[in-house]
Amino acid sequence: MAPRVALVVAVRVAVVGREGEIRVVPLAPGQAPPPGTATALLVPTGDEDAAVIGRLVGL
């Protein structure tokens, strides 16, 4: 049987922070992050995480 491939491989996000609290905001392909934010890749560690991330970002 061939291995399953997770639906979500990685999601590019903007990381917004203030006073010890952070928010992760998904970015559309080619979308510039808001000023003053950092960009990162959110990578699931398994199929279950991939499914949850996919639902959160509307996939």
PDB file of N, CA and C in Angstrom:
ATOM      1  N   MET A   1       0.848  -1.182   0.000  1.00  0.00           N
ATOM      2  CA  MET A   1       0.000   0.000   0.000  1.00  0.00           C
ATOM      3  C   MET A   1       0.891   1.243   0.000  1.00  0.00           C
ATOM      4  N   ALA A   2       0.571   2.204  -0.842  1.00  0.00           N
ATOM      5  CA  ALA A   2       1.348   3.447  -0.928  1.00  0.00           C
ATOM      6  C   ALA A   2       1.096   4.297   0.315  1.00  0.00           C
ATOM      7  N   PRO A   3       2.103   5.043   0.779  1.00  0.00           N
ATOM      8  CA  PRO A   3       1.906   5.909   1.952  1.00  0.00           C
ATOM      9  C   PRO A   3       0.929   7.034   1.633  1.00  0.00           C
ATOM     10  N   ARG A   4       0.173   7.443   2.643  1.00  0.00           N
ATOM     11  CA  ARG A   4      -0.753   8.566   2.478  1.00  0.00           C
ATOM     12  C   ARG A   4       0.025   9.868   2.528  1.00  0.00           C
ATOM     13  N   VAL A   5      -0.434  10.833   1.775  1.00  0.00           N
ATOM     14  CA  VAL A   5       0.168  12.160   1.788  1.00  0.00           C
ATOM     15  C   VAL A   5      -0.814  13.091   2.477  1.00  0.00           C
ATOM     16  N   ALA A   6      -0.335  13.847   3.434  1.00  0.00           N
ATOM     17  CA  ALA A   6      -1.199  14.780   4.157  1.00  0.00           C
ATOM     18  C   ALA A   6      -1.742  15.826   3.205  1.00  0.00           C
ATOM     19  N   LEU A   7      -2.984  16.211   3.407  1.00  0.00           N
ATOM     20  CA  LEU A   7      -3.630  17.224   2.579  1.00  0.00           C
ATOM     21  C   LEU A   7      -2.902  18.564   2.689  1.00  0.00           C
ATOM     22  N   VAL A   8      -2.531  18.954   3.896  1.00  0.00           N
ATOM     23  CA  VAL A   8      -1.846  20.226   4.122  1.00  0.00           C
ATOM     24  C   VAL A   8      -0.364  19.937   4.309  1.00  0.00           C
ATOM     25  N   VAL A   9       0.466  20.453   3.411  1.00  0.00           N
ATOM     26  CA  VAL A   9       1.908  20.267   3.528  1.00  0.00           C
ATOM     27  C   VAL A   9       2.498  21.375   4.401  1.00  0.00           C
ATOM     28  N   ALA A  10       2.143  22.617   4.110  1.00  0.00           N
ATOM     29  CA  ALA A  10       2.581  23.765   4.909  1.00  0.00           C
ATOM     30  C   ALA A  10       1.685  24.947   4.566  1.00  0.00           C
ATOM     31  N   VAL A  11       1.514  25.838   5.521  1.00  0.00           N
ATOM     32  CA  VAL A  11       0.723  27.054   5.323  1.00  0.00           C
ATOM     33  C   VAL A  11       1.605  28.231   5.691  1.00  0.00           C
ATOM     34  N   ARG A  12       1.716  29.197   4.784  1.00  0.00           N
ATOM     35  CA  ARG A  12       2.480  30.416   5.059  1.00  0.00           C
ATOM     36  C   ARG A  12       1.610  31.323   5.916  1.00  0.00           C
ATOM     37  N   VAL A  13       2.174  31.819   7.003  1.00  0.00           N
ATOM     38  CA  VAL A  13       1.406  32.615   7.951  1.00  0.00           C
ATOM     39  C   VAL A  13       2.153  33.890   8.332  1.00  0.00           C
ATOM     40  N   ALA A  14       1.395  34.860   8.804  1.00  0.00           N
ATOM     41  CA  ALA A  14       1.960  36.050   9.440  1.00  0.00           C
ATOM     42  C   ALA A  14       1.836  35.834  10.938  1.00  0.00           C
ATOM     43  N   VAL A  15       2.879  36.170  11.672  1.00  0.00           N
ATOM     44  CA  VAL A  15       2.870  36.041  13.132  1.00  0.00           C
ATOM     45  C   VAL A  15       2.791  37.445  13.721  1.00  0.00           C
ATOM     46  N   VAL A  16       1.712  37.685  14.444  1.00  0.00           N
ATOM     47  CA  VAL A  16       1.452  38.986  15.041  1.00  0.00           C
ATOM     48  C   VAL A  16       1.587  38.831  16.547  1.00  0.00           C
ATOM     49  N   GLY A  17       2.372  39.690  17.192  1.00  0.00           N
ATOM     50  CA  GLY A  17       2.557  39.555  18.625  1.00  0.00           C
ATOM     51  C   GLY A  17       2.435  40.863  19.365  1.00  0.00           C
ATOM     52  N   ARG A  18       2.018  40.719  20.620  1.00  0.00           N
ATOM     53  CA  ARG A  18       1.932  41.888  21.492  1.00  0.00           C
ATOM     54  C   ARG A  18       1.968  41.418  22.944  1.00  0.00           C
ATOM     55  N   GLU A  19       2.919  41.892  23.711  1.00  0.00           N
ATOM     56  CA  GLU A  19       3.013  41.639  25.149  1.00  0.00           C
ATOM     57  C   GLU A  19       2.856  40.163  25.514  1.00  0.00           C
ATOM     58  N   GLY A  20       3.679  39.302  24.917  1.00  0.00           N
ATOM     59  CA  GLY A  20       3.685  37.894  25.265  1.00  0.00           C
ATOM     60  C   GLY A  20       2.588  37.059  24.651  1.00  0.00           C
ATOM     61  N   GLU A  21       1.769  37.636  23.807  1.00  0.00           N
ATOM     62  CA  GLU A  21       0.682  36.916  23.148  1.00  0.00           C
ATOM     63  C   GLU A  21       0.910  36.949  21.651  1.00  0.00           C
ATOM     64  N   ILE A  22       0.691  35.817  20.965  1.00  0.00           N
ATOM     65  CA  ILE A  22       0.861  35.814  19.514  1.00  0.00           C
ATOM     66  C   ILE A  22      -0.391  35.302  18.824  1.00  0.00           C
ATOM     67  N   ARG A  23      -0.557  35.754  17.584  1.00  0.00           N
ATOM     68  CA  ARG A  23      -1.627  35.273  16.700  1.00  0.00           C
ATOM     69  C   ARG A  23      -0.972  34.827  15.417  1.00  0.00           C
ATOM     70  N   VAL A  24      -1.514  33.784  14.827  1.00  0.00           N
ATOM     71  CA  VAL A  24      -1.020  33.275  13.557  1.00  0.00           C
ATOM     72  C   VAL A  24      -2.130  33.494  12.533  1.00  0.00           C
ATOM     73  N   VAL A  25      -1.820  34.228  11.457  1.00  0.00           N
ATOM     74  CA  VAL A  25      -2.810  34.580  10.449  1.00  0.00           C
ATOM     75  C   VAL A  25      -2.397  33.973   9.107  1.00  0.00           C
ATOM     76  N   PRO A  26      -3.222  33.089   8.521  1.00  0.00           N
ATOM     77  CA  PRO A  26      -2.865  32.496   7.228  1.00  0.00           C
ATOM     78  C   PRO A  26      -2.745  33.571   6.148  1.00  0.00           C
ATOM     79  N   LEU A  27      -1.784  33.399   5.245  1.00  0.00           N
ATOM     80  CA  LEU A  27      -1.588  34.314   4.129  1.00  0.00           C
ATOM     81  C   LEU A  27      -1.895  33.591   2.820  1.00  0.00           C
ATOM     82  N   ALA A  28      -2.598  34.253   1.935  1.00  0.00           N
ATOM     83  CA  ALA A  28      -2.867  33.699   0.608  1.00  0.00           C
ATOM     84  C   ALA A  28      -1.569  33.697  -0.198  1.00  0.00           C
ATOM     85  N   PRO A  29      -1.458  32.813  -1.187  1.00  0.00           N
ATOM     86  CA  PRO A  29      -0.247  32.820  -2.024  1.00  0.00           C
ATOM     87  C   PRO A  29       0.008  34.209  -2.611  1.00  0.00           C
ATOM     88  N   GLY A  30       1.215  34.693  -2.452  1.00  0.00           N
ATOM     89  CA  GLY A  30       1.591  36.005  -2.984  1.00  0.00           C
ATOM     90  C   GLY A  30       1.170  37.181  -2.125  1.00  0.00           C
ATOM     91  N   GLN A  31       0.384  36.940  -1.080  1.00  0.00           N
ATOM     92  CA  GLN A  31      -0.074  38.028  -0.213  1.00  0.00           C
ATOM     93  C   GLN A  31       1.064  38.515   0.666  1.00  0.00           C
ATOM     94  N   ALA A  32       1.235  39.818   0.741  1.00  0.00           N
ATOM     95  CA  ALA A  32       2.252  40.401   1.612  1.00  0.00           C
ATOM     96  C   ALA A  32       1.756  40.367   3.055  1.00  0.00           C
ATOM     97  N   PRO A  33       2.648  40.109   3.992  1.00  0.00           N
ATOM     98  CA  PRO A  33       2.230  40.135   5.396  1.00  0.00           C
ATOM     99  C   PRO A  33       1.983  41.574   5.842  1.00  0.00           C
ATOM    100  N   PRO A  34       1.149  41.761   6.863  1.00  0.00           N
ATOM    101  CA  PRO A  34       0.923  43.109   7.377  1.00  0.00           C
ATOM    102  C   PRO A  34       2.231  43.708   7.898  1.00  0.00           C
ATOM    103  N   PRO A  35       2.378  45.030   7.859  1.00  0.00           N
ATOM    104  CA  PRO A  35       3.588  45.671   8.388  1.00  0.00           C
ATOM    105  C   PRO A  35       3.801  45.314   9.857  1.00  0.00           C
ATOM    106  N   GLY A  36       5.053  45.089  10.224  1.00  0.00           N
ATOM    107  CA  GLY A  36       5.396  44.812  11.609  1.00  0.00           C
ATOM    108  C   GLY A  36       5.195  43.370  12.045  1.00  0.00           C
ATOM    109  N   THR A  37       4.915  42.473  11.087  1.00  0.00           N
ATOM    110  CA  THR A  37       4.740  41.069  11.437  1.00  0.00           C
ATOM    111  C   THR A  37       5.890  40.239  10.882  1.00  0.00           C
ATOM    112  N   ALA A  38       6.036  39.053  11.410  1.00  0.00           N
ATOM    113  CA  ALA A  38       7.005  38.096  10.893  1.00  0.00           C
ATOM    114  C   ALA A  38       6.249  37.066  10.062  1.00  0.00           C
ATOM    115  N   THR A  39       6.924  36.453   9.100  1.00  0.00           N
ATOM    116  CA  THR A  39       6.294  35.372   8.349  1.00  0.00           C
ATOM    117  C   THR A  39       6.915  34.046   8.780  1.00  0.00           C
ATOM    118  N   ALA A  40       6.123  32.995   8.674  1.00  0.00           N
ATOM    119  CA  ALA A  40       6.578  31.664   9.068  1.00  0.00           C
ATOM    120  C   ALA A  40       5.810  30.633   8.256  1.00  0.00           C
ATOM    121  N   LEU A  41       6.284  29.396   8.324  1.00  0.00           N
ATOM    122  CA  LEU A  41       5.570  28.272   7.731  1.00  0.00           C
ATOM    123  C   LEU A  41       5.030  27.409   8.851  1.00  0.00           C
ATOM    124  N   LEU A  42       3.745  27.115   8.794  1.00  0.00           N
ATOM    125  CA  LEU A  42       3.102  26.233   9.750  1.00  0.00           C
ATOM    126  C   LEU A  42       3.055  24.855   9.102  1.00  0.00           C
ATOM    127  N   VAL A  43       3.805  23.910   9.662  1.00  0.00           N
ATOM    128  CA  VAL A  43       3.946  22.582   9.072  1.00  0.00           C
ATOM    129  C   VAL A  43       3.351  21.550  10.024  1.00  0.00           C
ATOM    130  N   PRO A  44       2.336  20.795   9.577  1.00  0.00           N
ATOM    131  CA  PRO A  44       1.752  19.781  10.447  1.00  0.00           C
ATOM    132  C   PRO A  44       2.724  18.622  10.674  1.00  0.00           C
ATOM    133  N   THR A  45       2.630  18.009  11.844  1.00  0.00           N
ATOM    134  CA  THR A  45       3.521  16.894  12.171  1.00  0.00           C
ATOM    135  C   THR A  45       2.905  15.541  11.842  1.00  0.00           C
ATOM    136  N   GLY A  46       1.670  15.518  11.380  1.00  0.00           N
ATOM    137  CA  GLY A  46       1.029  14.256  11.022  1.00  0.00           C
ATOM    138  C   GLY A  46      -0.306  14.502  10.340  1.00  0.00           C
ATOM    139  N   ASP A  47      -0.968  13.415   9.945  1.00  0.00           N
ATOM    140  CA  ASP A  47      -2.238  13.524   9.235  1.00  0.00           C
ATOM    141  C   ASP A  47      -3.321  14.220  10.048  1.00  0.00           C
ATOM    142  N   GLU A  48      -3.380  13.932  11.356  1.00  0.00           N
ATOM    143  CA  GLU A  48      -4.408  14.557  12.195  1.00  0.00           C
ATOM    144  C   GLU A  48      -4.200  16.069  12.263  1.00  0.00           C
ATOM    145  N   ASP A  49      -2.952  16.493  12.475  1.00  0.00           N
ATOM    146  CA  ASP A  49      -2.656  17.932  12.484  1.00  0.00           C
ATOM    147  C   ASP A  49      -2.960  18.554  11.129  1.00  0.00           C
ATOM    148  N   ALA A  50      -2.637  17.863  10.046  1.00  0.00           N
ATOM    149  CA  ALA A  50      -2.906  18.373   8.697  1.00  0.00           C
ATOM    150  C   ALA A  50      -4.402  18.594   8.498  1.00  0.00           C
ATOM    151  N   ALA A  51      -5.220  17.662   8.966  1.00  0.00           N
ATOM    152  CA  ALA A  51      -6.671  17.796   8.829  1.00  0.00           C
ATOM    153  C   ALA A  51      -7.191  18.991   9.623  1.00  0.00           C
ATOM    154  N   VAL A  52      -6.683  19.167  10.843  1.00  0.00           N
ATOM    155  CA  VAL A  52      -7.128  20.293  11.686  1.00  0.00           C
ATOM    156  C   VAL A  52      -6.709  21.620  11.052  1.00  0.00           C
ATOM    157  N   ILE A  53      -5.458  21.729  10.639  1.00  0.00           N
ATOM    158  CA  ILE A  53      -4.983  22.960  10.007  1.00  0.00           C
ATOM    159  C   ILE A  53      -5.783  23.242   8.742  1.00  0.00           C
ATOM    160  N   GLY A  54      -6.024  22.212   7.938  1.00  0.00           N
ATOM    161  CA  GLY A  54      -6.830  22.378   6.732  1.00  0.00           C
ATOM    162  C   GLY A  54      -8.205  22.951   7.036  1.00  0.00           C
ATOM    163  N   ARG A  55      -8.860  22.443   8.075  1.00  0.00           N
ATOM    164  CA  ARG A  55     -10.182  22.971   8.449  1.00  0.00           C
ATOM    165  C   ARG A  55     -10.066  24.416   8.915  1.00  0.00           C
ATOM    166  N   LEU A  56      -9.039  24.730   9.710  1.00  0.00           N
ATOM    167  CA  LEU A  56      -8.884  26.085  10.237  1.00  0.00           C
ATOM    168  C   LEU A  56      -8.670  27.131   9.160  1.00  0.00           C
ATOM    169  N   VAL A  57      -7.986  26.730   8.073  1.00  0.00           N
ATOM    170  CA  VAL A  57      -7.714  27.691   6.996  1.00  0.00           C
ATOM    171  C   VAL A  57      -8.691  27.553   5.835  1.00  0.00           C
ATOM    172  N   GLY A  58      -9.714  26.723   6.007  1.00  0.00           N
ATOM    173  CA  GLY A  58     -10.774  26.628   5.014  1.00  0.00           C
ATOM    174  C   GLY A  58     -10.478  25.727   3.829  1.00  0.00           C
ATOM    175  N   LEU A  59      -9.666  24.696   4.009  1.00  0.00           N
ATOM    176  CA  LEU A  59      -9.388  23.762   2.919  1.00  0.00           C
ATOM    177  C   LEU A  59     -10.275  22.541   3.028  1.00  0.00           C
TER     178      LEU A  59
END
